[in-house]
Amino acid sequence: MTWTPPATTKTYGWKRTSSSREGRGDWSRLRPFAWRRDCGLCQHIRYDTGLPCLAAGAVVDHIVPISQGGSTALDNLQVMCEYHHTRKTALEAAEGRRKARQGHRLGPGRGRRPGTLE
């Protein structure tokens, strides 16, 4: 009898919504297209002028992160400079932590109540 792998694989806490080919397989193919489309310049829209930053780009980033339902389609990719990418990533991480804290809070009537022996 030969060994066969299990039918399901554990994800260890990561949500698996699609196969790796659907979710990330096109990333290496689409990245150069996004870089050429944006001419290698940062596309972050500045709040003071409403115009793109246009500094030298460093990375290709997802406009809507995959963790928030974004896709790896070309229209969801943009070139960003290191400064704006770091800033955007930090804001997304803070938002994720805030949502996680809200999800862990106990609702009314659940858990221990101060001053009781329950």
PDB file of N, CA and C in Angstrom:
ATOM      1  N   MET A   1       0.844  -1.185   0.000  1.00  0.00           N
ATOM      2  CA  MET A   1       0.000   0.000   0.000  1.00  0.00           C
ATOM      3  C   MET A   1       0.887   1.246   0.000  1.00  0.00           C
ATOM      4  N   THR A   2       0.588   2.185  -0.859  1.00  0.00           N
ATOM      5  CA  THR A   2       1.385   3.407  -0.946  1.00  0.00           C
ATOM      6  C   THR A   2       0.747   4.515  -0.118  1.00  0.00           C
ATOM      7  N   TRP A   3       1.585   5.427   0.286  1.00  0.00           N
ATOM      8  CA  TRP A   3       1.116   6.548   1.089  1.00  0.00           C
ATOM      9  C   TRP A   3       0.454   7.587   0.198  1.00  0.00           C
ATOM     10  N   THR A   4      -0.684   8.121   0.637  1.00  0.00           N
ATOM     11  CA  THR A   4      -1.345   9.215  -0.084  1.00  0.00           C
ATOM     12  C   THR A   4      -1.500  10.388   0.862  1.00  0.00           C
ATOM     13  N   PRO A   5      -1.318  11.597   0.381  1.00  0.00           N
ATOM     14  CA  PRO A   5      -1.450  12.767   1.258  1.00  0.00           C
ATOM     15  C   PRO A   5      -2.896  12.935   1.712  1.00  0.00           C
ATOM     16  N   PRO A   6      -3.100  13.591   2.850  1.00  0.00           N
ATOM     17  CA  PRO A   6      -4.469  13.814   3.322  1.00  0.00           C
ATOM     18  C   PRO A   6      -5.261  14.668   2.344  1.00  0.00           C
ATOM     19  N   ALA A   7      -6.578  14.524   2.391  1.00  0.00           N
ATOM     20  CA  ALA A   7      -7.445  15.250   1.459  1.00  0.00           C
ATOM     21  C   ALA A   7      -7.455  16.746   1.734  1.00  0.00           C
ATOM     22  N   THR A   8      -7.329  17.138   2.986  1.00  0.00           N
ATOM     23  CA  THR A   8      -7.321  18.558   3.329  1.00  0.00           C
ATOM     24  C   THR A   8      -6.007  18.908   3.991  1.00  0.00           C
ATOM     25  N   THR A   9      -5.617  20.148   3.854  1.00  0.00           N
ATOM     26  CA  THR A   9      -4.406  20.617   4.513  1.00  0.00           C
ATOM     27  C   THR A   9      -4.781  21.658   5.538  1.00  0.00           C
ATOM     28  N   LYS A  10      -4.052  21.690   6.620  1.00  0.00           N
ATOM     29  CA  LYS A  10      -4.308  22.686   7.656  1.00  0.00           C
ATOM     30  C   LYS A  10      -3.729  24.021   7.216  1.00  0.00           C
ATOM     31  N   THR A  11      -4.404  25.094   7.580  1.00  0.00           N
ATOM     32  CA  THR A  11      -3.924  26.417   7.206  1.00  0.00           C
ATOM     33  C   THR A  11      -3.279  27.133   8.376  1.00  0.00           C
ATOM     34  N   TYR A  12      -3.366  26.577   9.580  1.00  0.00           N
ATOM     35  CA  TYR A  12      -2.731  27.144  10.758  1.00  0.00           C
ATOM     36  C   TYR A  12      -3.067  28.615  10.959  1.00  0.00           C
ATOM     37  N   GLY A  13      -4.350  28.927  10.935  1.00  0.00           N
ATOM     38  CA  GLY A  13      -4.794  30.282  11.231  1.00  0.00           C
ATOM     39  C   GLY A  13      -4.973  31.173  10.020  1.00  0.00           C
ATOM     40  N   TRP A  14      -4.391  30.822   8.898  1.00  0.00           N
ATOM     41  CA  TRP A  14      -4.541  31.650   7.710  1.00  0.00           C
ATOM     42  C   TRP A  14      -5.793  31.230   6.970  1.00  0.00           C
ATOM     43  N   LYS A  15      -6.558  32.208   6.526  1.00  0.00           N
ATOM     44  CA  LYS A  15      -7.750  31.902   5.751  1.00  0.00           C
ATOM     45  C   LYS A  15      -7.339  31.513   4.345  1.00  0.00           C
ATOM     46  N   ARG A  16      -7.904  30.451   3.868  1.00  0.00           N
ATOM     47  CA  ARG A  16      -7.584  29.998   2.516  1.00  0.00           C
ATOM     48  C   ARG A  16      -8.851  30.112   1.697  1.00  0.00           C
ATOM     49  N   THR A  17      -8.979  31.194   0.937  1.00  0.00           N
ATOM     50  CA  THR A  17     -10.200  31.445   0.189  1.00  0.00           C
ATOM     51  C   THR A  17     -10.109  30.988  -1.254  1.00  0.00           C
ATOM     52  N   SER A  18      -8.907  30.875  -1.785  1.00  0.00           N
ATOM     53  CA  SER A  18      -8.765  30.448  -3.170  1.00  0.00           C
ATOM     54  C   SER A  18      -7.460  29.690  -3.310  1.00  0.00           C
ATOM     55  N   SER A  19      -7.297  29.044  -4.425  1.00  0.00           N
ATOM     56  CA  SER A  19      -6.051  28.320  -4.652  1.00  0.00           C
ATOM     57  C   SER A  19      -4.921  29.319  -4.852  1.00  0.00           C
ATOM     58  N   SER A  20      -3.711  28.876  -4.633  1.00  0.00           N
ATOM     59  CA  SER A  20      -2.579  29.782  -4.767  1.00  0.00           C
ATOM     60  C   SER A  20      -2.437  30.288  -6.203  1.00  0.00           C
ATOM     61  N   ARG A  21      -2.880  29.508  -7.176  1.00  0.00           N
ATOM     62  CA  ARG A  21      -2.805  29.953  -8.568  1.00  0.00           C
ATOM     63  C   ARG A  21      -3.740  31.129  -8.812  1.00  0.00           C
ATOM     64  N   GLU A  22      -4.929  31.090  -8.225  1.00  0.00           N
ATOM     65  CA  GLU A  22      -5.880  32.189  -8.409  1.00  0.00           C
ATOM     66  C   GLU A  22      -5.449  33.421  -7.634  1.00  0.00           C
ATOM     67  N   GLY A  23      -5.018  33.233  -6.389  1.00  0.00           N
ATOM     68  CA  GLY A  23      -4.759  34.369  -5.520  1.00  0.00           C
ATOM     69  C   GLY A  23      -3.455  35.081  -5.780  1.00  0.00           C
ATOM     70  N   ARG A  24      -2.382  34.339  -6.039  1.00  0.00           N
ATOM     71  CA  ARG A  24      -1.077  34.969  -6.144  1.00  0.00           C
ATOM     72  C   ARG A  24      -0.277  34.542  -7.365  1.00  0.00           C
ATOM     73  N   GLY A  25      -0.806  33.658  -8.165  1.00  0.00           N
ATOM     74  CA  GLY A  25      -0.044  33.140  -9.288  1.00  0.00           C
ATOM     75  C   GLY A  25       0.268  34.177 -10.339  1.00  0.00           C
ATOM     76  N   ASP A  26      -0.553  35.203 -10.493  1.00  0.00           N
ATOM     77  CA  ASP A  26      -0.344  36.213 -11.522  1.00  0.00           C
ATOM     78  C   ASP A  26       0.547  37.357 -11.051  1.00  0.00           C
ATOM     79  N   TRP A  27       0.921  37.365  -9.780  1.00  0.00           N
ATOM     80  CA  TRP A  27       1.669  38.493  -9.221  1.00  0.00           C
ATOM     81  C   TRP A  27       2.978  38.715  -9.972  1.00  0.00           C
ATOM     82  N   SER A  28       3.770  37.690 -10.163  1.00  0.00           N
ATOM     83  CA  SER A  28       5.061  37.874 -10.817  1.00  0.00           C
ATOM     84  C   SER A  28       4.892  38.275 -12.285  1.00  0.00           C
ATOM     85  N   ARG A  29       3.787  37.895 -12.890  1.00  0.00           N
ATOM     86  CA  ARG A  29       3.539  38.248 -14.284  1.00  0.00           C
ATOM     87  C   ARG A  29       3.006  39.680 -14.417  1.00  0.00           C
ATOM     88  N   LEU A  30       2.174  40.121 -13.474  1.00  0.00           N
ATOM     89  CA  LEU A  30       1.553  41.446 -13.577  1.00  0.00           C
ATOM     90  C   LEU A  30       2.414  42.580 -13.030  1.00  0.00           C
ATOM     91  N   ARG A  31       3.336  42.267 -12.141  1.00  0.00           N
ATOM     92  CA  ARG A  31       4.162  43.307 -11.532  1.00  0.00           C
ATOM     93  C   ARG A  31       4.887  44.168 -12.566  1.00  0.00           C
ATOM     94  N   PRO A  32       5.572  43.585 -13.576  1.00  0.00           N
ATOM     95  CA  PRO A  32       6.242  44.431 -14.576  1.00  0.00           C
ATOM     96  C   PRO A  32       5.280  45.296 -15.387  1.00  0.00           C
ATOM     97  N   PHE A  33       4.065  44.791 -15.628  1.00  0.00           N
ATOM     98  CA  PHE A  33       3.074  45.589 -16.361  1.00  0.00           C
ATOM     99  C   PHE A  33       2.671  46.822 -15.557  1.00  0.00           C
ATOM    100  N   ALA A  34       2.463  46.638 -14.247  1.00  0.00           N
ATOM    101  CA  ALA A  34       2.113  47.772 -13.389  1.00  0.00           C
ATOM    102  C   ALA A  34       3.267  48.765 -13.334  1.00  0.00           C
ATOM    103  N   TRP A  35       4.493  48.263 -13.286  1.00  0.00           N
ATOM    104  CA  TRP A  35       5.665  49.135 -13.223  1.00  0.00           C
ATOM    105  C   TRP A  35       5.779  49.978 -14.492  1.00  0.00           C
ATOM    106  N   ARG A  36       5.576  49.339 -15.653  1.00  0.00           N
ATOM    107  CA  ARG A  36       5.645  50.073 -16.922  1.00  0.00           C
ATOM    108  C   ARG A  36       4.488  51.050 -17.068  1.00  0.00           C
ATOM    109  N   ARG A  37       3.280  50.622 -16.676  1.00  0.00           N
ATOM    110  CA  ARG A  37       2.102  51.491 -16.778  1.00  0.00           C
ATOM    111  C   ARG A  37       2.302  52.780 -15.981  1.00  0.00           C
ATOM    112  N   ASP A  38       2.888  52.647 -14.774  1.00  0.00           N
ATOM    113  CA  ASP A  38       3.078  53.814 -13.906  1.00  0.00           C
ATOM    114  C   ASP A  38       4.427  54.491 -14.125  1.00  0.00           C
ATOM    115  N   CYS A  39       5.192  54.042 -15.109  1.00  0.00           N
ATOM    116  CA  CYS A  39       6.494  54.620 -15.460  1.00  0.00           C
ATOM    117  C   CYS A  39       7.485  54.594 -14.301  1.00  0.00           C
ATOM    118  N   GLY A  40       7.297  53.676 -13.364  1.00  0.00           N
ATOM    119  CA  GLY A  40       8.211  53.560 -12.225  1.00  0.00           C
ATOM    120  C   GLY A  40       8.112  54.703 -11.241  1.00  0.00           C
ATOM    121  N   LEU A  41       7.005  55.455 -11.279  1.00  0.00           N
ATOM    122  CA  LEU A  41       6.836  56.609 -10.392  1.00  0.00           C
ATOM    123  C   LEU A  41       5.725  56.351  -9.380  1.00  0.00           C
ATOM    124  N   CYS A  42       5.886  56.878  -8.178  1.00  0.00           N
ATOM    125  CA  CYS A  42       4.924  56.695  -7.091  1.00  0.00           C
ATOM    126  C   CYS A  42       3.571  57.282  -7.479  1.00  0.00           C
ATOM    127  N   GLN A  43       2.517  56.478  -7.308  1.00  0.00           N
ATOM    128  CA  GLN A  43       1.172  56.893  -7.683  1.00  0.00           C
ATOM    129  C   GLN A  43       0.313  57.282  -6.483  1.00  0.00           C
ATOM    130  N   HIS A  44       0.930  57.390  -5.300  1.00  0.00           N
ATOM    131  CA  HIS A  44       0.179  57.797  -4.115  1.00  0.00           C
ATOM    132  C   HIS A  44      -0.364  59.211  -4.322  1.00  0.00           C
ATOM    133  N   ILE A  45      -1.648  59.393  -4.074  1.00  0.00           N
ATOM    134  CA  ILE A  45      -2.270  60.710  -4.256  1.00  0.00           C
ATOM    135  C   ILE A  45      -2.034  61.553  -3.000  1.00  0.00           C
ATOM    136  N   ARG A  46      -1.413  62.704  -3.195  1.00  0.00           N
ATOM    137  CA  ARG A  46      -1.123  63.599  -2.066  1.00  0.00           C
ATOM    138  C   ARG A  46      -2.394  64.306  -1.626  1.00  0.00           C
ATOM    139  N   TYR A  47      -2.560  64.418  -0.314  1.00  0.00           N
ATOM    140  CA  TYR A  47      -3.776  65.046   0.208  1.00  0.00           C
ATOM    141  C   TYR A  47      -3.769  66.553   0.017  1.00  0.00           C
ATOM    142  N   ASP A  48      -2.598  67.173  -0.048  1.00  0.00           N
ATOM    143  CA  ASP A  48      -2.547  68.639  -0.135  1.00  0.00           C
ATOM    144  C   ASP A  48      -2.786  69.154  -1.551  1.00  0.00           C
ATOM    145  N   THR A  49      -2.346  68.397  -2.568  1.00  0.00           N
ATOM    146  CA  THR A  49      -2.505  68.868  -3.947  1.00  0.00           C
ATOM    147  C   THR A  49      -3.501  68.032  -4.745  1.00  0.00           C
ATOM    148  N   GLY A  50      -3.759  66.804  -4.307  1.00  0.00           N
ATOM    149  CA  GLY A  50      -4.643  65.917  -5.057  1.00  0.00           C
ATOM    150  C   GLY A  50      -3.964  65.309  -6.271  1.00  0.00           C
ATOM    151  N   LEU A  51      -2.648  65.459  -6.367  1.00  0.00           N
ATOM    152  CA  LEU A  51      -1.870  64.922  -7.482  1.00  0.00           C
ATOM    153  C   LEU A  51      -0.994  63.769  -7.008  1.00  0.00           C
ATOM    154  N   PRO A  52      -0.561  62.902  -7.922  1.00  0.00           N
ATOM    155  CA  PRO A  52       0.337  61.812  -7.515  1.00  0.00           C
ATOM    156  C   PRO A  52       1.670  62.350  -7.010  1.00  0.00           C
ATOM    157  N   CYS A  53       2.308  61.579  -6.156  1.00  0.00           N
ATOM    158  CA  CYS A  53       3.601  61.945  -5.567  1.00  0.00           C
ATOM    159  C   CYS A  53       4.680  62.062  -6.651  1.00  0.00           C
ATOM    160  N   LEU A  54       4.762  61.067  -7.535  1.00  0.00           N
ATOM    161  CA  LEU A  54       5.697  61.023  -8.666  1.00  0.00           C
ATOM    162  C   LEU A  54       7.168  60.954  -8.261  1.00  0.00           C
ATOM    163  N   ALA A  55       7.460  60.501  -7.043  1.00  0.00           N
ATOM    164  CA  ALA A  55       8.843  60.210  -6.653  1.00  0.00           C
ATOM    165  C   ALA A  55       9.232  58.883  -7.294  1.00  0.00           C
ATOM    166  N   ALA A  56      10.506  58.566  -7.277  1.00  0.00           N
ATOM    167  CA  ALA A  56      10.960  57.295  -7.844  1.00  0.00           C
ATOM    168  C   ALA A  56      10.325  56.142  -7.089  1.00  0.00           C
ATOM    169  N   GLY A  57       9.715  55.227  -7.800  1.00  0.00           N
ATOM    170  CA  GLY A  57       9.039  54.097  -7.181  1.00  0.00           C
ATOM    171  C   GLY A  57      10.007  53.072  -6.640  1.00  0.00           C
ATOM    172  N   ALA A  58       9.570  52.361  -5.609  1.00  0.00           N
ATOM    173  CA  ALA A  58      10.400  51.318  -5.012  1.00  0.00           C
ATOM    174  C   ALA A  58       9.706  49.958  -5.037  1.00  0.00           C
ATOM    175  N   VAL A  59       8.377  49.954  -4.904  1.00  0.00           N
ATOM    176  CA  VAL A  59       7.637  48.691  -4.827  1.00  0.00           C
ATOM    177  C   VAL A  59       6.329  48.801  -5.595  1.00  0.00           C
ATOM    178  N   VAL A  60       5.782  47.641  -5.964  1.00  0.00           N
ATOM    179  CA  VAL A  60       4.433  47.568  -6.520  1.00  0.00           C
ATOM    180  C   VAL A  60       3.545  47.066  -5.397  1.00  0.00           C
ATOM    181  N   ASP A  61       2.488  47.809  -5.107  1.00  0.00           N
ATOM    182  CA  ASP A  61       1.644  47.549  -3.946  1.00  0.00           C
ATOM    183  C   ASP A  61       0.200  47.338  -4.390  1.00  0.00           C
ATOM    184  N   HIS A  62      -0.554  46.592  -3.581  1.00  0.00           N
ATOM    185  CA  HIS A  62      -1.988  46.428  -3.826  1.00  0.00           C
ATOM    186  C   HIS A  62      -2.724  47.654  -3.296  1.00  0.00           C
ATOM    187  N   ILE A  63      -3.583  48.249  -4.092  1.00  0.00           N
ATOM    188  CA  ILE A  63      -4.366  49.395  -3.648  1.00  0.00           C
ATOM    189  C   ILE A  63      -5.303  48.961  -2.534  1.00  0.00           C
ATOM    190  N   VAL A  64      -6.089  47.917  -2.775  1.00  0.00           N
ATOM    191  CA  VAL A  64      -6.915  47.287  -1.742  1.00  0.00           C
ATOM    192  C   VAL A  64      -6.206  45.989  -1.373  1.00  0.00           C
ATOM    193  N   PRO A  65      -5.731  45.850  -0.136  1.00  0.00           N
ATOM    194  CA  PRO A  65      -4.982  44.649   0.246  1.00  0.00           C
ATOM    195  C   PRO A  65      -5.792  43.371   0.047  1.00  0.00           C
ATOM    196  N   ILE A  66      -5.109  42.293  -0.242  1.00  0.00           N
ATOM    197  CA  ILE A  66      -5.757  41.003  -0.421  1.00  0.00           C
ATOM    198  C   ILE A  66      -6.487  40.610   0.861  1.00  0.00           C
ATOM    199  N   SER A  67      -5.912  40.958   2.023  1.00  0.00           N
ATOM    200  CA  SER A  67      -6.538  40.620   3.304  1.00  0.00           C
ATOM    201  C   SER A  67      -7.876  41.328   3.501  1.00  0.00           C
ATOM    202  N   GLN A  68      -8.107  42.413   2.756  1.00  0.00           N
ATOM    203  CA  GLN A  68      -9.363  43.144   2.861  1.00  0.00           C
ATOM    204  C   GLN A  68     -10.251  42.913   1.642  1.00  0.00           C
ATOM    205  N   GLY A  69      -9.971  41.862   0.894  1.00  0.00           N
ATOM    206  CA  GLY A  69     -10.820  41.517  -0.238  1.00  0.00           C
ATOM    207  C   GLY A  69     -10.325  42.003  -1.582  1.00  0.00           C
ATOM    208  N   GLY A  70      -9.140  42.577  -1.642  1.00  0.00           N
ATOM    209  CA  GLY A  70      -8.586  43.040  -2.904  1.00  0.00           C
ATOM    210  C   GLY A  70      -8.118  41.881  -3.760  1.00  0.00           C
ATOM    211  N   SER A  71      -7.849  42.148  -5.007  1.00  0.00           N
ATOM    212  CA  SER A  71      -7.408  41.106  -5.924  1.00  0.00           C
ATOM    213  C   SER A  71      -6.006  41.417  -6.419  1.00  0.00           C
ATOM    214  N   THR A  72      -5.438  40.479  -7.163  1.00  0.00           N
ATOM    215  CA  THR A  72      -4.138  40.686  -7.774  1.00  0.00           C
ATOM    216  C   THR A  72      -4.316  41.071  -9.237  1.00  0.00           C
ATOM    217  N   ALA A  73      -5.397  41.745  -9.543  1.00  0.00           N
ATOM    218  CA  ALA A  73      -5.624  42.234 -10.901  1.00  0.00           C
ATOM    219  C   ALA A  73      -4.780  43.485 -11.138  1.00  0.00           C
ATOM    220  N   LEU A  74      -4.490  43.750 -12.382  1.00  0.00           N
ATOM    221  CA  LEU A  74      -3.643  44.886 -12.731  1.00  0.00           C
ATOM    222  C   LEU A  74      -4.233  46.216 -12.258  1.00  0.00           C
ATOM    223  N   ASP A  75      -5.555  46.346 -12.269  1.00  0.00           N
ATOM    224  CA  ASP A  75      -6.159  47.605 -11.838  1.00  0.00           C
ATOM    225  C   ASP A  75      -6.123  47.788 -10.323  1.00  0.00           C
ATOM    226  N   ASN A  76      -5.669  46.787  -9.568  1.00  0.00           N
ATOM    227  CA  ASN A  76      -5.534  46.909  -8.117  1.00  0.00           C
ATOM    228  C   ASN A  76      -4.067  47.047  -7.704  1.00  0.00           C
ATOM    229  N   LEU A  77      -3.176  47.290  -8.653  1.00  0.00           N
ATOM    230  CA  LEU A  77      -1.751  47.430  -8.369  1.00  0.00           C
ATOM    231  C   LEU A  77      -1.297  48.839  -8.669  1.00  0.00           C
ATOM    232  N   GLN A  78      -0.355  49.328  -7.872  1.00  0.00           N
ATOM    233  CA  GLN A  78       0.211  50.650  -8.103  1.00  0.00           C
ATOM    234  C   GLN A  78       1.662  50.673  -7.633  1.00  0.00           C
ATOM    235  N   VAL A  79       2.474  51.499  -8.262  1.00  0.00           N
ATOM    236  CA  VAL A  79       3.856  51.691  -7.845  1.00  0.00           C
ATOM    237  C   VAL A  79       3.864  52.726  -6.730  1.00  0.00           C
ATOM    238  N   MET A  80       4.672  52.471  -5.710  1.00  0.00           N
ATOM    239  CA  MET A  80       4.774  53.421  -4.596  1.00  0.00           C
ATOM    240  C   MET A  80       6.235  53.621  -4.218  1.00  0.00           C
ATOM    241  N   CYS A  81       6.570  54.827  -3.754  1.00  0.00           N
ATOM    242  CA  CYS A  81       7.901  55.083  -3.230  1.00  0.00           C
ATOM    243  C   CYS A  81       8.009  54.423  -1.856  1.00  0.00           C
ATOM    244  N   GLU A  82       9.209  54.301  -1.362  1.00  0.00           N
ATOM    245  CA  GLU A  82       9.435  53.614  -0.083  1.00  0.00           C
ATOM    246  C   GLU A  82       8.704  54.312   1.064  1.00  0.00           C
ATOM    247  N   TYR A  83       8.732  55.647   1.084  1.00  0.00           N
ATOM    248  CA  TYR A  83       8.074  56.406   2.157  1.00  0.00           C
ATOM    249  C   TYR A  83       6.577  56.127   2.207  1.00  0.00           C
ATOM    250  N   HIS A  84       5.893  56.281   1.082  1.00  0.00           N
ATOM    251  CA  HIS A  84       4.438  56.099   1.079  1.00  0.00           C
ATOM    252  C   HIS A  84       4.040  54.637   1.279  1.00  0.00           C
ATOM    253  N   HIS A  85       4.852  53.697   0.774  1.00  0.00           N
ATOM    254  CA  HIS A  85       4.548  52.288   0.995  1.00  0.00           C
ATOM    255  C   HIS A  85       4.656  51.936   2.480  1.00  0.00           C
ATOM    256  N   THR A  86       5.698  52.399   3.140  1.00  0.00           N
ATOM    257  CA  THR A  86       5.872  52.135   4.574  1.00  0.00           C
ATOM    258  C   THR A  86       4.727  52.740   5.365  1.00  0.00           C
ATOM    259  N   ARG A  87       4.354  53.949   5.012  1.00  0.00           N
ATOM    260  CA  ARG A  87       3.265  54.627   5.711  1.00  0.00           C
ATOM    261  C   ARG A  87       1.920  53.917   5.505  1.00  0.00           C
ATOM    262  N   LYS A  88       1.636  53.528   4.264  1.00  0.00           N
ATOM    263  CA  LYS A  88       0.385  52.835   3.965  1.00  0.00           C
ATOM    264  C   LYS A  88       0.329  51.488   4.678  1.00  0.00           C
ATOM    265  N   THR A  89       1.438  50.750   4.665  1.00  0.00           N
ATOM    266  CA  THR A  89       1.491  49.457   5.338  1.00  0.00           C
ATOM    267  C   THR A  89       1.267  49.610   6.833  1.00  0.00           C
ATOM    268  N   ALA A  90       1.846  50.633   7.450  1.00  0.00           N
ATOM    269  CA  ALA A  90       1.658  50.863   8.883  1.00  0.00           C
ATOM    270  C   ALA A  90       0.204  51.199   9.204  1.00  0.00           C
ATOM    271  N   LEU A  91      -0.440  52.004   8.362  1.00  0.00           N
ATOM    272  CA  LEU A  91      -1.847  52.340   8.586  1.00  0.00           C
ATOM    273  C   LEU A  91      -2.739  51.111   8.440  1.00  0.00           C
ATOM    274  N   GLU A  92      -2.458  50.261   7.450  1.00  0.00           N
ATOM    275  CA  GLU A  92      -3.241  49.032   7.267  1.00  0.00           C
ATOM    276  C   GLU A  92      -3.058  48.077   8.439  1.00  0.00           C
ATOM    277  N   ALA A  93      -1.833  47.994   8.956  1.00  0.00           N
ATOM    278  CA  ALA A  93      -1.575  47.128  10.099  1.00  0.00           C
ATOM    279  C   ALA A  93      -2.296  47.636  11.340  1.00  0.00           C
ATOM    280  N   ALA A  94      -2.284  48.947  11.545  1.00  0.00           N
ATOM    281  CA  ALA A  94      -2.987  49.531  12.696  1.00  0.00           C
ATOM    282  C   ALA A  94      -4.487  49.282  12.587  1.00  0.00           C
ATOM    283  N   GLU A  95      -5.038  49.393  11.393  1.00  0.00           N
ATOM    284  CA  GLU A  95      -6.465  49.128  11.189  1.00  0.00           C
ATOM    285  C   GLU A  95      -6.784  47.665  11.472  1.00  0.00           C
ATOM    286  N   GLY A  96      -5.915  46.765  11.041  1.00  0.00           N
ATOM    287  CA  GLY A  96      -6.109  45.343  11.311  1.00  0.00           C
ATOM    288  C   GLY A  96      -6.068  45.033  12.796  1.00  0.00           C
ATOM    289  N   ARG A  97      -5.144  45.666  13.522  1.00  0.00           N
ATOM    290  CA  ARG A  97      -5.073  45.465  14.978  1.00  0.00           C
ATOM    291  C   ARG A  97      -6.311  46.018  15.659  1.00  0.00           C
ATOM    292  N   ARG A  98      -6.798  47.169  15.187  1.00  0.00           N
ATOM    293  CA  ARG A  98      -7.997  47.762  15.775  1.00  0.00           C
ATOM    294  C   ARG A  98      -9.201  46.842  15.581  1.00  0.00           C
ATOM    295  N   LYS A  99      -9.348  46.293  14.394  1.00  0.00           N
ATOM    296  CA  LYS A  99     -10.467  45.376  14.124  1.00  0.00           C
ATOM    297  C   LYS A  99     -10.334  44.099  14.951  1.00  0.00           C
ATOM    298  N   ALA A 100      -9.108  43.618  15.130  1.00  0.00           N
ATOM    299  CA  ALA A 100      -8.902  42.413  15.929  1.00  0.00           C
ATOM    300  C   ALA A 100      -9.271  42.666  17.386  1.00  0.00           C
ATOM    301  N   ARG A 101      -8.917  43.848  17.903  1.00  0.00           N
ATOM    302  CA  ARG A 101      -9.281  44.176  19.290  1.00  0.00           C
ATOM    303  C   ARG A 101     -10.786  44.255  19.450  1.00  0.00           C
ATOM    304  N   GLN A 102     -11.479  44.824  18.481  1.00  0.00           N
ATOM    305  CA  GLN A 102     -12.935  44.911  18.558  1.00  0.00           C
ATOM    306  C   GLN A 102     -13.568  43.532  18.527  1.00  0.00           C
ATOM    307  N   GLY A 103     -12.996  42.624  17.772  1.00  0.00           N
ATOM    308  CA  GLY A 103     -13.536  41.280  17.671  1.00  0.00           C
ATOM    309  C   GLY A 103     -13.343  40.475  18.937  1.00  0.00           C
ATOM    310  N   HIS A 104     -12.345  40.827  19.746  1.00  0.00           N
ATOM    311  CA  HIS A 104     -12.052  40.078  20.966  1.00  0.00           C
ATOM    312  C   HIS A 104     -12.776  40.621  22.195  1.00  0.00           C
ATOM    313  N   ARG A 105     -13.394  41.754  22.069  1.00  0.00           N
ATOM    314  CA  ARG A 105     -14.102  42.323  23.225  1.00  0.00           C
ATOM    315  C   ARG A 105     -15.317  41.481  23.564  1.00  0.00           C
ATOM    316  N   LEU A 106     -15.594  41.388  24.825  1.00  0.00           N
ATOM    317  CA  LEU A 106     -16.762  40.623  25.260  1.00  0.00           C
ATOM    318  C   LEU A 106     -18.022  41.445  25.074  1.00  0.00           C
ATOM    319  N   GLY A 107     -19.048  40.802  24.638  1.00  0.00           N
ATOM    320  CA  GLY A 107     -20.325  41.476  24.466  1.00  0.00           C
ATOM    321  C   GLY A 107     -21.060  41.593  25.796  1.00  0.00           C
ATOM    322  N   PRO A 108     -22.238  42.236  25.824  1.00  0.00           N
ATOM    323  CA  PRO A 108     -22.985  42.411  27.062  1.00  0.00           C
ATOM    324  C   PRO A 108     -23.466  41.074  27.610  1.00  0.00           C
ATOM    325  N   GLY A 109     -23.328  40.898  28.922  1.00  0.00           N
ATOM    326  CA  GLY A 109     -23.800  39.686  29.571  1.00  0.00           C
ATOM    327  C   GLY A 109     -22.863  38.504  29.431  1.00  0.00           C
ATOM    328  N   ARG A 110     -21.681  38.726  28.879  1.00  0.00           N
ATOM    329  CA  ARG A 110     -20.724  37.632  28.705  1.00  0.00           C
ATOM    330  C   ARG A 110     -19.511  37.894  29.572  1.00  0.00           C
ATOM    331  N   GLY A 111     -18.935  36.854  30.082  1.00  0.00           N
ATOM    332  CA  GLY A 111     -17.713  36.993  30.855  1.00  0.00           C
ATOM    333  C   GLY A 111     -17.999  37.364  32.302  1.00  0.00           C
ATOM    334  N   ARG A 112     -16.951  37.655  33.038  1.00  0.00           N
ATOM    335  CA  ARG A 112     -17.094  38.016  34.445  1.00  0.00           C
ATOM    336  C   ARG A 112     -17.530  39.451  34.580  1.00  0.00           C
ATOM    337  N   ARG A 113     -18.287  39.705  35.634  1.00  0.00           N
ATOM    338  CA  ARG A 113     -18.714  41.065  35.946  1.00  0.00           C
ATOM    339  C   ARG A 113     -17.960  41.550  37.171  1.00  0.00           C
ATOM    340  N   PRO A 114     -17.456  42.764  37.171  1.00  0.00           N
ATOM    341  CA  PRO A 114     -16.737  43.270  38.324  1.00  0.00           C
ATOM    342  C   PRO A 114     -17.626  43.283  39.574  1.00  0.00           C
ATOM    343  N   GLY A 115     -17.039  42.890  40.669  1.00  0.00           N
ATOM    344  CA  GLY A 115     -17.759  42.934  41.942  1.00  0.00           C
ATOM    345  C   GLY A 115     -18.630  41.721  42.224  1.00  0.00           C
ATOM    346  N   THR A 116     -18.628  40.738  41.352  1.00  0.00           N
ATOM    347  CA  THR A 116     -19.420  39.519  41.590  1.00  0.00           C
ATOM    348  C   THR A 116     -18.498  38.326  41.696  1.00  0.00           C
ATOM    349  N   LEU A 117     -19.023  37.232  42.220  1.00  0.00           N
ATOM    350  CA  LEU A 117     -18.230  36.012  42.364  1.00  0.00           C
ATOM    351  C   LEU A 117     -18.553  35.006  41.290  1.00  0.00           C
ATOM    352  N   GLU A 118     -19.128  35.412  40.198  1.00  0.00           N
ATOM    353  CA  GLU A 118     -19.488  34.496  39.109  1.00  0.00           C
ATOM    354  C   GLU A 118     -18.270  34.004  38.382  1.00  0.00           C
TER     355      GLU A 118
END
